[in-house]
Amino acid sequence: MDTNPAQMSTNNGYLLKEECYRIIGACMNVHNELGCGFLEAVYQEALSYEFFDLDISFQKEKVLDVCYKNHLLEKKYVADFLCFGEVILELKAVEEIHPEHIAQVLNYLKATRKRVGLLVNFGTIKLQYKRIIL
C-alpha cells in the first residue's frame, strides 16, 4: 500500500506523527515483554505479531527500489519493516545508537525517496528510538 505524499497525515506539522507514535508503542510493548539481549530477528518476529494485533499496516523485509541520480538501480534495499506504506523501520539490538545508524536510515530514506524513518534499538535496558525525517 503506497501512499501519495500529499495524503500523508500530519499532526501539528509532524509528518506521520500518529503512525510513528503507534509504531513506537508497539516496539515498547515488545521490549517490555522480551527485554534486551535477543538478536534483531527475535524482535522483528515479535513485532510482526504486535503489529498484527494492533492493526498496524506493515510489510516485513520489504524490498524497496534504490535510486541514484534519477537512475533506478538493479540492487535493492530490504527494509526490516515498511509500515503504513511510508515509514521505514530499522531495527537494532546494539549497546547504543551511534551516528552511523542514523546516517544509515537517512541514506535509506534518500535512496528510496521515503520521508520518514524510525530507528529502534532493542539492545538496551530502556528502548531507544529516533524519528528521522528527510
Protein backbone atom coordinates (compact mmCIF):
# COMPACT_ATOMS: atom_id res chain seq x y z
CA MET A 1 0.00 0.00 0.00
CA ASP A 2 1.85 3.11 -1.16
CA THR A 3 0.57 6.44 -0.02
CA ASN A 4 0.67 9.62 -2.05
CA PRO A 5 2.86 12.13 -0.12
CA ALA A 6 0.03 14.66 -0.40
CA GLN A 7 -2.17 12.23 1.56
CA MET A 8 0.33 11.62 4.38
CA SER A 9 -1.09 12.55 7.75
CA THR A 10 0.35 15.47 9.64
CA ASN A 11 -0.35 16.35 13.25
CA ASN A 12 0.85 19.75 14.37
CA GLY A 13 3.25 19.85 11.42
CA TYR A 14 4.89 16.49 12.19
CA LEU A 15 4.76 14.18 9.20
CA LEU A 16 3.16 10.81 10.03
CA LYS A 17 3.15 11.65 13.75
CA GLU A 18 0.27 9.36 14.72
CA GLU A 19 1.65 6.48 12.66
CA CYS A 20 5.09 6.82 14.25
CA TYR A 21 3.52 7.03 17.71
CA ARG A 22 1.69 3.74 17.10
CA ILE A 23 4.82 2.01 15.75
CA ILE A 24 6.91 3.15 18.74
CA GLY A 25 4.17 1.98 21.10
CA ALA A 26 4.25 -1.47 19.51
CA CYS A 27 8.05 -1.54 19.88
CA MET A 28 7.68 -0.60 23.55
CA ASN A 29 5.22 -3.45 24.05
CA VAL A 30 7.70 -5.92 22.56
CA HIS A 31 10.60 -4.53 24.59
CA ASN A 32 8.55 -4.62 27.80
CA GLU A 33 7.72 -8.27 27.15
CA LEU A 34 11.11 -9.54 25.92
CA GLY A 35 13.58 -7.08 27.44
CA CYS A 36 17.02 -6.70 25.89
CA GLY A 37 19.50 -9.39 24.93
CA PHE A 38 17.98 -11.07 21.90
CA LEU A 39 19.04 -10.81 18.27
CA GLU A 40 17.24 -8.42 15.93
CA ALA A 41 15.43 -11.32 14.26
CA VAL A 42 13.63 -12.17 17.51
CA TYR A 43 12.36 -8.62 17.91
CA GLN A 44 11.38 -8.49 14.25
CA GLU A 45 9.28 -11.62 14.56
CA ALA A 46 7.66 -10.44 17.78
CA LEU A 47 6.89 -7.07 16.19
CA SER A 48 5.08 -8.81 13.35
CA TYR A 49 2.65 -10.27 15.88
CA GLU A 50 2.36 -6.97 17.74
CA PHE A 51 1.68 -5.00 14.54
CA PHE A 52 -0.97 -7.53 13.54
CA ASP A 53 -2.64 -7.35 16.98
CA LEU A 54 -2.63 -3.52 16.93
CA ASP A 55 -3.87 -3.32 13.32
CA ILE A 56 -0.72 -1.54 12.14
CA SER A 57 -0.24 -1.85 8.39
CA PHE A 58 3.20 -3.38 7.75
CA GLN A 59 5.34 -5.31 5.34
CA LYS A 60 8.20 -7.31 6.84
CA GLU A 61 11.52 -7.38 4.96
CA LYS A 62 10.06 -5.16 2.27
CA VAL A 63 12.18 -4.96 -0.88
CA LEU A 64 12.45 -1.31 -1.94
CA ASP A 65 13.86 0.24 -5.08
CA VAL A 66 17.03 2.31 -4.78
CA CYS A 67 17.52 5.41 -6.89
CA TYR A 68 20.85 7.02 -7.72
CA LYS A 69 20.82 10.34 -9.58
CA ASN A 70 17.41 9.54 -11.03
CA HIS A 71 18.56 6.06 -12.09
CA LEU A 72 16.80 3.01 -10.72
CA LEU A 73 19.47 0.58 -9.54
CA GLU A 74 19.25 -3.18 -10.02
CA LYS A 75 20.30 -3.64 -6.39
CA LYS A 76 17.50 -3.32 -3.89
CA TYR A 77 17.27 -2.40 -0.22
CA VAL A 78 15.41 -4.68 2.16
CA ALA A 79 13.79 -2.72 4.99
CA ASP A 80 13.21 -4.52 8.27
CA PHE A 81 9.67 -3.14 8.03
CA LEU A 82 7.75 -0.71 5.91
CA CYS A 83 4.80 0.50 7.97
CA PHE A 84 1.75 2.31 6.66
CA GLY A 85 3.36 2.16 3.22
CA GLU A 86 5.64 5.09 4.12
CA VAL A 87 7.60 4.63 7.36
CA ILE A 88 10.88 2.74 7.12
CA LEU A 89 11.53 0.93 10.40
CA GLU A 90 15.14 -0.09 11.01
CA LEU A 91 15.73 -2.40 13.97
CA LYS A 92 18.90 -2.71 16.01
CA ALA A 93 19.92 -4.79 19.01
CA VAL A 94 23.14 -3.00 19.99
CA GLU A 95 24.63 -1.33 23.08
CA GLU A 96 23.62 2.13 21.87
CA ILE A 97 22.55 4.03 18.78
CA HIS A 98 25.53 5.56 17.00
CA PRO A 99 25.64 8.36 14.40
CA GLU A 100 26.38 5.70 11.76
CA HIS A 101 23.00 4.08 12.44
CA ILE A 102 21.23 7.41 11.95
CA ALA A 103 23.23 8.00 8.75
CA GLN A 104 22.19 4.54 7.56
CA VAL A 105 18.49 5.38 7.93
CA LEU A 106 19.00 8.77 6.26
CA ASN A 107 20.64 7.01 3.32
CA TYR A 108 17.75 4.55 3.11
CA LEU A 109 15.28 7.44 3.03
CA LYS A 110 17.21 9.27 0.31
CA ALA A 111 17.69 6.16 -1.81
CA THR A 112 14.07 5.03 -1.56
CA ARG A 113 12.56 8.52 -1.68
CA LYS A 114 10.64 7.92 1.53
CA ARG A 115 10.37 10.79 4.01
CA VAL A 116 10.09 9.21 7.48
CA GLY A 117 12.21 6.59 9.19
CA LEU A 118 12.32 5.14 12.66
CA LEU A 119 15.47 3.69 14.15
CA VAL A 120 14.66 1.46 17.11
CA ASN A 121 17.23 -0.19 19.37
CA PHE A 122 16.15 -3.15 21.50
CA GLY A 123 19.67 -3.79 22.83
CA THR A 124 19.45 -1.57 25.91
CA ILE A 125 17.56 -1.80 29.20
CA LYS A 126 15.36 1.09 28.08
CA LEU A 127 14.13 1.06 24.47
CA GLN A 128 15.92 3.64 22.33
CA TYR A 129 14.35 5.19 19.25
CA LYS A 130 14.94 8.06 16.85
CA ARG A 131 12.47 9.54 14.39
CA ILE A 132 14.32 10.58 11.25
CA ILE A 133 12.81 12.91 8.69
CA LEU A 134 14.15 13.64 5.23
